[in-house]
Amino acid sequence: MPTTHDFSTPLLRVFVEVARLGSFTAAGASLGYTQSAISRQVSALEEEAGSVLFDRLPRGVQPTEAGRRLLVHASAVLERIATAQQELRQLRELDIGRLRVAAFATAEAALVPQTIAAFRRAHPGVSVTLEEGLTPALVGMLTDGSVDLAVLSTAFGEVPEGVELHKLADDFMLVALPAGHRLAGRRRLRLAELADEDWIAASTRPEETLISSCLRTGFQPRVGFVARDWMAKLGLVAAGLGITLVPTLAADAVRADVAVVPLDRRDLPVREVHAALARGLTPSPAAHAFLKLLKERSAALTAAAGPGGGHGG
């Protein structure tokens, strides 16, 4: 079998520059080499090519037929390498790229949209997409490579397999009440005080809703209306048709004619909200930048909606 040779990039750069300038001396001055160093590198390339690439003339050099053929390909190779280097630099500097984000529904009420908006202002050249799902589905999206970063919730201390968690916040619950409700001015509420209220929930089965953890205390909410969408839930509350639970992360989306009061943490365990990355996979520069913004925005939302803060509290 004939011997094959690999053309090294540095030698190709020297070759193209010599061909462009028609002189070993001029190419050396352009590239920062001596004339003799250029001559050695051209000879090395000719050995790799198995052909004479330049005719050495009294005044400079000119490509042979083999040199002219190689010049077309060498120029194309160097152009592609330069393009690749430029794109890698643009990815590092977040001038181009993509970011695939997924989140659970509550995080999409305020935290994730506000973070995406801030990210787009800072990095308009990066394309951002968003998907929604429950935590088990989000973990699957991460581990199969469908998304780059997910915002998910877990019970205290729970760590799903295959992901790396970055805690954003403790997400405690607020009770959303009509603005004129008798309890709207309270600083904190116990479940026992809400026993006679009609609840608005995502299901008639309390164990499938945000209030499921309350069931361990024996509390049984009376579900009056079922609504899955946050706008619908809060619209029903504003109309005086019942009350509902609102996680801290969604408090910023509460309308002005609805009051929110923190629910006593003894009645409902705090859940943890995390940004998650796939374990063992290298996050993109865009994912790193988005994670930083998520942490900043989460801290701001939590501070605004904490005990004693937020709407009507």
Protein backbone atom coordinates (compact mmCIF):
# COMPACT_ATOMS: atom_id res chain seq x y z
CA MET A 1 0.00 0.00 0.00
CA PRO A 2 1.28 3.52 -0.75
CA THR A 3 2.50 5.55 2.22
CA THR A 4 0.18 8.36 3.30
CA HIS A 5 1.38 11.59 4.84
CA ASP A 6 -0.37 14.03 7.17
CA PHE A 7 0.16 17.69 6.35
CA SER A 8 0.62 19.64 9.58
CA THR A 9 -1.19 22.97 9.91
CA PRO A 10 1.97 25.02 10.72
CA LEU A 11 3.68 23.77 7.57
CA LEU A 12 0.61 24.56 5.47
CA ARG A 13 0.55 28.11 6.86
CA VAL A 14 4.21 28.57 5.88
CA PHE A 15 3.54 27.10 2.43
CA VAL A 16 0.57 29.41 1.73
CA GLU A 17 2.49 32.47 2.90
CA VAL A 18 5.50 31.64 0.72
CA ALA A 19 3.19 31.14 -2.26
CA ARG A 20 1.44 34.44 -1.53
CA LEU A 21 4.65 36.46 -1.22
CA GLY A 22 6.83 34.51 -3.64
CA SER A 23 9.81 34.62 -1.32
CA PHE A 24 11.21 32.62 1.60
CA THR A 25 12.67 35.81 3.05
CA ALA A 26 9.41 37.79 2.81
CA ALA A 27 7.41 34.90 4.25
CA GLY A 28 9.88 34.64 7.15
CA ALA A 29 9.49 38.35 7.90
CA SER A 30 5.70 38.02 7.79
CA LEU A 31 5.58 34.98 10.08
CA GLY A 32 8.45 35.86 12.40
CA TYR A 33 10.87 33.19 11.15
CA THR A 34 14.34 33.38 9.62
CA GLN A 35 14.76 32.66 5.92
CA SER A 36 16.56 29.42 6.74
CA ALA A 37 13.73 28.29 9.04
CA ILE A 38 11.21 28.90 6.25
CA SER A 39 13.38 26.94 3.85
CA ARG A 40 13.56 23.97 6.25
CA GLN A 41 9.80 23.93 6.78
CA VAL A 42 9.08 24.05 3.05
CA SER A 43 11.51 21.18 2.53
CA ALA A 44 9.76 19.21 5.29
CA LEU A 45 6.40 19.78 3.60
CA GLU A 46 7.82 18.74 0.25
CA GLU A 47 9.04 15.52 1.88
CA GLU A 48 5.55 14.90 3.30
CA ALA A 49 3.98 15.67 -0.09
CA GLY A 50 6.46 13.58 -2.03
CA SER A 51 6.72 16.40 -4.57
CA VAL A 52 8.70 19.56 -5.22
CA LEU A 53 6.32 22.42 -4.39
CA PHE A 54 8.39 25.46 -5.38
CA ASP A 55 10.88 26.22 -8.09
CA ARG A 56 13.75 28.16 -6.53
CA LEU A 57 14.50 31.05 -8.89
CA PRO A 58 17.23 33.76 -8.80
CA ARG A 59 14.63 36.21 -7.54
CA GLY A 60 12.22 34.39 -5.28
CA VAL A 61 10.21 31.22 -5.75
CA GLN A 62 7.09 30.14 -7.60
CA PRO A 63 4.81 27.11 -7.11
CA THR A 64 5.28 24.07 -9.31
CA GLU A 65 2.27 22.27 -10.77
CA ALA A 66 2.12 20.18 -7.58
CA GLY A 67 2.46 23.36 -5.54
CA ARG A 68 -0.41 25.04 -7.34
CA ARG A 69 -2.63 22.02 -6.75
CA LEU A 70 -1.74 21.86 -3.08
CA LEU A 71 -2.26 25.61 -2.69
CA VAL A 72 -5.97 25.31 -3.51
CA HIS A 73 -6.52 22.70 -0.83
CA ALA A 74 -4.16 24.25 1.73
CA SER A 75 -5.93 27.60 1.46
CA ALA A 76 -9.32 25.92 1.94
CA VAL A 77 -8.08 23.94 4.95
CA LEU A 78 -6.63 27.02 6.64
CA GLU A 79 -9.82 28.96 5.93
CA ARG A 80 -11.94 26.23 7.55
CA ILE A 81 -9.60 26.12 10.55
CA ALA A 82 -9.83 29.91 10.92
CA THR A 83 -13.62 29.68 10.75
CA ALA A 84 -13.65 26.95 13.40
CA GLN A 85 -11.39 29.00 15.67
CA GLN A 86 -13.64 32.02 15.23
CA GLU A 87 -16.77 30.03 16.06
CA LEU A 88 -15.17 28.48 19.15
CA ARG A 89 -14.18 31.94 20.32
CA GLN A 90 -17.71 33.22 19.68
CA LEU A 91 -19.12 30.28 21.68
CA ARG A 92 -16.81 31.07 24.60
CA GLU A 93 -17.77 34.74 24.45
CA LEU A 94 -21.50 33.88 24.00
CA ASP A 95 -21.79 35.70 20.69
CA ILE A 96 -23.35 32.59 19.12
CA GLY A 97 -24.73 29.25 20.30
CA ARG A 98 -27.87 27.69 21.69
CA LEU A 99 -29.28 27.05 25.14
CA ARG A 100 -32.01 24.48 25.77
CA VAL A 101 -33.79 25.07 29.08
CA ALA A 102 -36.55 23.07 30.77
CA ALA A 103 -38.46 23.84 33.96
CA PHE A 104 -41.42 22.83 36.09
CA ALA A 105 -44.53 24.99 35.70
CA THR A 106 -44.16 27.12 38.82
CA ALA A 107 -40.66 28.20 37.83
CA GLU A 108 -42.11 29.43 34.54
CA ALA A 109 -44.38 31.89 36.33
CA ALA A 110 -41.57 34.37 36.98
CA LEU A 111 -38.10 32.93 37.66
CA VAL A 112 -37.33 31.32 34.31
CA PRO A 113 -38.97 33.95 32.03
CA GLN A 114 -37.20 36.78 33.84
CA THR A 115 -33.89 34.93 33.66
CA ILE A 116 -34.32 34.23 29.94
CA ALA A 117 -35.10 37.91 29.36
CA ALA A 118 -31.95 38.97 31.22
CA PHE A 119 -29.89 36.36 29.34
CA ARG A 120 -31.18 37.54 25.95
CA ARG A 121 -30.36 41.15 26.78
CA ALA A 122 -26.81 40.14 27.66
CA HIS A 123 -26.31 37.57 24.88
CA PRO A 124 -28.68 38.26 21.97
CA GLY A 125 -26.75 35.98 19.62
CA VAL A 126 -27.53 32.83 21.63
CA SER A 127 -30.75 31.01 20.73
CA VAL A 128 -32.82 29.96 23.78
CA THR A 129 -35.60 27.36 23.84
CA LEU A 130 -37.83 26.34 26.76
CA GLU A 131 -39.70 23.15 27.62
CA GLU A 132 -41.98 22.35 30.56
CA GLY A 133 -42.30 19.17 32.58
CA LEU A 134 -42.51 17.55 35.99
CA THR A 135 -39.28 16.84 37.84
CA PRO A 136 -38.93 13.15 36.78
CA ALA A 137 -39.36 14.14 33.13
CA LEU A 138 -36.89 17.01 33.52
CA VAL A 139 -34.27 14.64 34.90
CA GLY A 140 -34.81 12.40 31.88
CA MET A 141 -34.40 15.35 29.50
CA LEU A 142 -31.06 16.19 31.12
CA THR A 143 -29.66 12.68 31.16
CA ASP A 144 -30.61 11.93 27.54
CA GLY A 145 -29.14 15.23 26.35
CA SER A 146 -32.43 16.81 25.24
CA VAL A 147 -31.80 19.96 27.31
CA ASP A 148 -28.73 21.73 28.67
CA LEU A 149 -30.15 22.90 32.00
CA ALA A 150 -33.34 22.29 33.97
CA VAL A 151 -35.03 24.00 36.89
CA LEU A 152 -36.69 21.40 39.09
CA SER A 153 -38.02 20.89 42.61
CA THR A 154 -37.27 18.16 45.13
CA ALA A 155 -38.19 17.18 48.64
CA PHE A 156 -35.64 18.30 51.24
CA GLY A 157 -32.37 16.42 50.79
CA GLU A 158 -33.51 14.44 47.73
CA VAL A 159 -30.96 14.14 44.91
CA PRO A 160 -32.19 12.57 41.64
CA GLU A 161 -29.77 10.18 39.94
CA GLY A 162 -27.66 11.38 37.05
CA VAL A 163 -27.80 15.10 37.73
CA GLU A 164 -25.73 17.75 39.46
CA LEU A 165 -27.85 20.10 41.57
CA HIS A 166 -27.27 23.80 42.23
CA LYS A 167 -29.69 24.98 44.89
CA LEU A 168 -31.58 28.13 44.03
CA ALA A 169 -34.05 28.54 46.88
CA ASP A 170 -36.26 27.05 49.53
CA ASP A 171 -39.73 27.36 48.05
CA PHE A 172 -42.26 27.79 50.84
CA MET A 173 -45.97 28.20 50.27
CA LEU A 174 -48.16 31.28 50.34
CA VAL A 175 -51.95 31.30 50.61
CA ALA A 176 -53.60 33.37 47.88
CA LEU A 177 -56.77 35.09 49.11
CA PRO A 178 -59.23 37.59 47.64
CA ALA A 179 -58.00 41.09 48.47
CA GLY A 180 -60.98 41.71 50.79
CA HIS A 181 -60.76 38.36 52.62
CA ARG A 182 -60.95 38.49 56.42
CA LEU A 183 -57.49 36.86 56.68
CA ALA A 184 -55.78 38.94 53.99
CA GLY A 185 -53.99 41.17 56.47
CA ARG A 186 -52.40 38.40 58.50
CA ARG A 187 -48.61 37.91 58.61
CA ARG A 188 -48.89 34.11 58.68
CA LEU A 189 -51.63 31.47 58.54
CA ARG A 190 -52.16 27.98 59.95
CA LEU A 191 -54.05 25.32 58.03
CA ALA A 192 -56.57 24.98 60.82
CA GLU A 193 -57.72 28.53 60.11
CA LEU A 194 -58.53 27.53 56.52
CA ALA A 195 -60.60 24.43 57.23
CA ASP A 196 -63.87 26.02 56.10
CA GLU A 197 -62.52 27.61 52.93
CA ASP A 198 -63.18 26.47 49.37
CA TRP A 199 -59.90 25.60 47.64
CA ILE A 200 -58.91 26.03 44.03
CA ALA A 201 -56.53 23.23 43.01
CA ALA A 202 -55.14 21.49 39.96
CA SER A 203 -57.10 18.32 40.75
CA THR A 204 -60.05 17.13 42.81
CA ARG A 205 -57.56 14.68 44.37
CA PRO A 206 -55.55 16.66 46.95
CA GLU A 207 -52.73 14.12 46.87
CA GLU A 208 -52.01 15.24 43.28
CA THR A 209 -51.71 18.94 44.15
CA LEU A 210 -49.41 21.36 45.96
CA ILE A 211 -51.35 20.77 49.15
CA SER A 212 -50.60 17.04 49.17
CA SER A 213 -48.04 17.34 51.97
CA CYS A 214 -50.70 18.81 54.24
CA LEU A 215 -52.60 15.54 54.21
CA ARG A 216 -50.16 13.98 56.69
CA THR A 217 -51.52 16.37 59.34
CA GLY A 218 -55.07 15.17 58.74
CA PHE A 219 -56.07 18.34 56.92
CA GLN A 220 -58.57 17.67 54.12
CA PRO A 221 -59.10 20.65 51.79
CA ARG A 222 -62.52 21.17 50.26
CA VAL A 223 -61.79 21.60 46.54
CA GLY A 224 -64.39 23.89 45.01
CA PHE A 225 -62.90 24.51 41.57
CA VAL A 226 -60.25 22.76 39.49
CA ALA A 227 -57.81 24.85 37.45
CA ARG A 228 -54.31 23.94 36.29
CA ASP A 229 -53.24 27.28 34.84
CA TRP A 230 -51.94 29.95 37.24
CA MET A 231 -53.89 32.73 35.55
CA ALA A 232 -57.11 30.73 35.95
CA LYS A 233 -56.41 29.91 39.61
CA LEU A 234 -55.69 33.52 40.51
CA GLY A 235 -58.67 34.72 38.50
CA LEU A 236 -60.95 32.47 40.55
CA VAL A 237 -59.36 33.72 43.76
CA ALA A 238 -59.79 37.36 42.74
CA ALA A 239 -63.47 36.70 42.02
CA GLY A 240 -63.91 35.47 45.60
CA LEU A 241 -64.56 31.86 44.62
CA GLY A 242 -61.92 30.30 46.84
CA ILE A 243 -58.30 30.29 47.94
CA THR A 244 -55.22 28.53 46.59
CA LEU A 245 -51.57 27.87 47.36
CA VAL A 246 -48.89 29.88 45.57
CA PRO A 247 -45.21 28.88 45.77
CA THR A 248 -42.70 31.62 46.51
CA LEU A 249 -41.36 31.44 42.97
CA ALA A 250 -44.76 32.31 41.53
CA ALA A 251 -45.49 35.17 43.93
CA ASP A 252 -44.13 37.77 41.53
CA ALA A 253 -46.86 36.81 39.06
CA VAL A 254 -49.73 37.35 41.52
CA ARG A 255 -52.21 39.96 40.34
CA ALA A 256 -52.87 43.15 42.33
CA ASP A 257 -56.39 42.15 43.45
CA VAL A 258 -55.11 39.00 45.17
CA ALA A 259 -53.41 39.00 48.59
CA VAL A 260 -50.85 36.41 49.63
CA VAL A 261 -50.00 35.38 53.18
CA PRO A 262 -47.22 32.91 54.11
CA LEU A 263 -48.41 29.52 55.31
CA ASP A 264 -46.82 28.38 58.55
CA ARG A 265 -43.94 26.04 57.73
CA ARG A 266 -45.03 23.62 60.43
CA ASP A 267 -48.06 22.82 58.26
CA LEU A 268 -46.37 22.36 54.90
CA PRO A 269 -42.77 21.23 54.31
CA VAL A 270 -40.53 23.49 52.31
CA ARG A 271 -39.48 22.13 48.91
CA GLU A 272 -36.12 22.88 47.37
CA VAL A 273 -35.71 24.44 43.95
CA HIS A 274 -32.57 23.62 41.99
CA ALA A 275 -30.93 24.29 38.71
CA ALA A 276 -29.75 20.93 37.41
CA LEU A 277 -27.08 19.88 34.94
CA ALA A 278 -26.40 16.39 33.62
CA ARG A 279 -23.70 14.70 35.69
CA GLY A 280 -20.58 13.87 33.70
CA LEU A 281 -21.36 16.19 30.77
CA THR A 282 -19.46 19.43 30.22
CA PRO A 283 -21.85 22.41 30.48
CA SER A 284 -21.70 24.91 27.64
CA PRO A 285 -20.58 28.50 28.29
CA ALA A 286 -24.23 29.50 27.76
CA ALA A 287 -25.40 27.08 30.47
CA HIS A 288 -22.81 28.47 32.90
CA ALA A 289 -23.93 32.04 32.21
CA PHE A 290 -27.63 31.13 32.53
CA LEU A 291 -26.99 29.36 35.85
CA LYS A 292 -25.36 32.50 37.25
CA LEU A 293 -28.35 34.62 36.21
CA LEU A 294 -30.77 32.04 37.67
CA LYS A 295 -29.09 32.28 41.06
CA GLU A 296 -29.23 36.08 41.00
CA ARG A 297 -32.89 36.21 39.95
CA SER A 298 -33.93 33.49 42.40
CA ALA A 299 -32.33 35.38 45.29
CA ALA A 300 -34.22 38.54 44.29
CA LEU A 301 -37.58 36.76 44.01
CA THR A 302 -37.13 34.93 47.30
CA ALA A 303 -36.24 38.15 49.11
CA ALA A 304 -39.29 39.92 47.67
CA ALA A 305 -41.73 37.15 48.52
CA GLY A 306 -40.31 35.97 51.85
CA PRO A 307 -42.17 36.06 55.15
CA GLY A 308 -43.48 39.58 55.59
CA GLY A 309 -42.75 40.43 51.93
CA GLY A 310 -44.63 40.08 48.68
CA HIS A 311 -48.23 41.01 47.86
CA GLY A 312 -50.57 41.76 50.66
CA GLY A 313 -48.32 40.11 53.27
